[in-house]
Amino acid sequence: MSELNEKLATAWEGFTKGDWQNEVNVRDFIQKNYTPYEGDESFLAGATEATTTLWTK
């Protein structure tokens, strides 16, 4: 396997294989690899000062 092919193979490790590997098929990629987030919003950062200022306008 060439160095480029090894890098490409490594980049997709952990993804479920599908049609998306051989053609442009975004739907197939998402359907096979999407996992819904079950948590809450606690990971989000608060609004920046610039955002808060914008919201007051």
C-alpha atoms as a PDB file:
ATOM      1  CA  MET A   1       0.000   0.000   0.000  1.00  0.00           C
ATOM      2  CA  SER A   2       1.380   3.413  -0.930  1.00  0.00           C
ATOM      3  CA  GLU A   3       1.985   6.076   1.690  1.00  0.00           C
ATOM      4  CA  LEU A   4      -0.946   8.128   0.347  1.00  0.00           C
ATOM      5  CA  ASN A   5      -3.297   5.135   0.447  1.00  0.00           C
ATOM      6  CA  GLU A   6      -2.216   4.386   4.020  1.00  0.00           C
ATOM      7  CA  LYS A   7      -2.958   7.973   5.071  1.00  0.00           C
ATOM      8  CA  LEU A   8      -6.359   7.874   3.373  1.00  0.00           C
ATOM      9  CA  ALA A   9      -7.214   4.549   5.005  1.00  0.00           C
ATOM     10  CA  THR A  10      -6.218   5.913   8.413  1.00  0.00           C
ATOM     11  CA  ALA A  11      -8.344   9.042   7.909  1.00  0.00           C
ATOM     12  CA  TRP A  12     -11.520   6.942   7.611  1.00  0.00           C
ATOM     13  CA  GLU A  13     -10.851   4.523  10.494  1.00  0.00           C
ATOM     14  CA  GLY A  14     -13.859   4.223  12.776  1.00  0.00           C
ATOM     15  CA  PHE A  15     -16.419   5.057  10.081  1.00  0.00           C
ATOM     16  CA  THR A  16     -18.928   2.476   8.852  1.00  0.00           C
ATOM     17  CA  LYS A  17     -18.145   1.453   5.275  1.00  0.00           C
ATOM     18  CA  GLY A  18     -20.608   2.156   2.491  1.00  0.00           C
ATOM     19  CA  ASP A  19     -21.276   3.506  -0.998  1.00  0.00           C
ATOM     20  CA  TRP A  20     -19.853   6.872   0.114  1.00  0.00           C
ATOM     21  CA  GLN A  21     -16.344   5.403  -0.145  1.00  0.00           C
ATOM     22  CA  ASN A  22     -16.594   4.944  -3.919  1.00  0.00           C
ATOM     23  CA  GLU A  23     -18.888   7.764  -4.987  1.00  0.00           C
ATOM     24  CA  VAL A  24     -20.145  11.131  -3.789  1.00  0.00           C
ATOM     25  CA  ASN A  25     -22.957   9.949  -1.537  1.00  0.00           C
ATOM     26  CA  VAL A  26     -23.407  12.232   1.452  1.00  0.00           C
ATOM     27  CA  ARG A  27     -26.741  10.661   2.410  1.00  0.00           C
ATOM     28  CA  ASP A  28     -25.165   7.201   2.652  1.00  0.00           C
ATOM     29  CA  PHE A  29     -22.294   8.560   4.761  1.00  0.00           C
ATOM     30  CA  ILE A  30     -24.645  10.322   7.179  1.00  0.00           C
ATOM     31  CA  GLN A  31     -27.084   7.410   7.404  1.00  0.00           C
ATOM     32  CA  LYS A  32     -24.273   4.998   8.268  1.00  0.00           C
ATOM     33  CA  ASN A  33     -22.217   7.232  10.567  1.00  0.00           C
ATOM     34  CA  TYR A  34     -24.607   9.610  12.353  1.00  0.00           C
ATOM     35  CA  THR A  35     -25.023   9.238  16.113  1.00  0.00           C
ATOM     36  CA  PRO A  36     -27.569  11.483  17.841  1.00  0.00           C
ATOM     37  CA  TYR A  37     -26.319  13.581  20.753  1.00  0.00           C
ATOM     38  CA  GLU A  38     -28.139  12.515  23.917  1.00  0.00           C
ATOM     39  CA  GLY A  39     -26.603  15.042  26.325  1.00  0.00           C
ATOM     40  CA  ASP A  40     -27.600  18.547  27.363  1.00  0.00           C
ATOM     41  CA  GLU A  41     -26.345  22.033  26.558  1.00  0.00           C
ATOM     42  CA  SER A  42     -23.750  22.122  29.365  1.00  0.00           C
ATOM     43  CA  PHE A  43     -20.890  21.750  26.857  1.00  0.00           C
ATOM     44  CA  LEU A  44     -21.758  25.085  25.219  1.00  0.00           C
ATOM     45  CA  ALA A  45     -19.841  28.254  26.035  1.00  0.00           C
ATOM     46  CA  GLY A  46     -21.699  31.399  26.976  1.00  0.00           C
ATOM     47  CA  ALA A  47     -22.220  34.282  24.577  1.00  0.00           C
ATOM     48  CA  THR A  48     -19.225  36.530  23.947  1.00  0.00           C
ATOM     49  CA  GLU A  49     -19.342  40.221  24.782  1.00  0.00           C
ATOM     50  CA  ALA A  50     -19.648  40.997  21.060  1.00  0.00           C
ATOM     51  CA  THR A  51     -22.656  38.693  20.734  1.00  0.00           C
ATOM     52  CA  THR A  52     -24.332  40.129  23.814  1.00  0.00           C
ATOM     53  CA  THR A  53     -23.806  43.668  22.458  1.00  0.00           C
ATOM     54  CA  LEU A  54     -25.286  42.653  19.112  1.00  0.00           C
ATOM     55  CA  TRP A  55     -28.345  41.127  20.783  1.00  0.00           C
ATOM     56  CA  THR A  56     -29.061  44.391  22.630  1.00  0.00           C
ATOM     57  CA  LYS A  57     -29.290  46.365  19.361  1.00  0.00           C
END
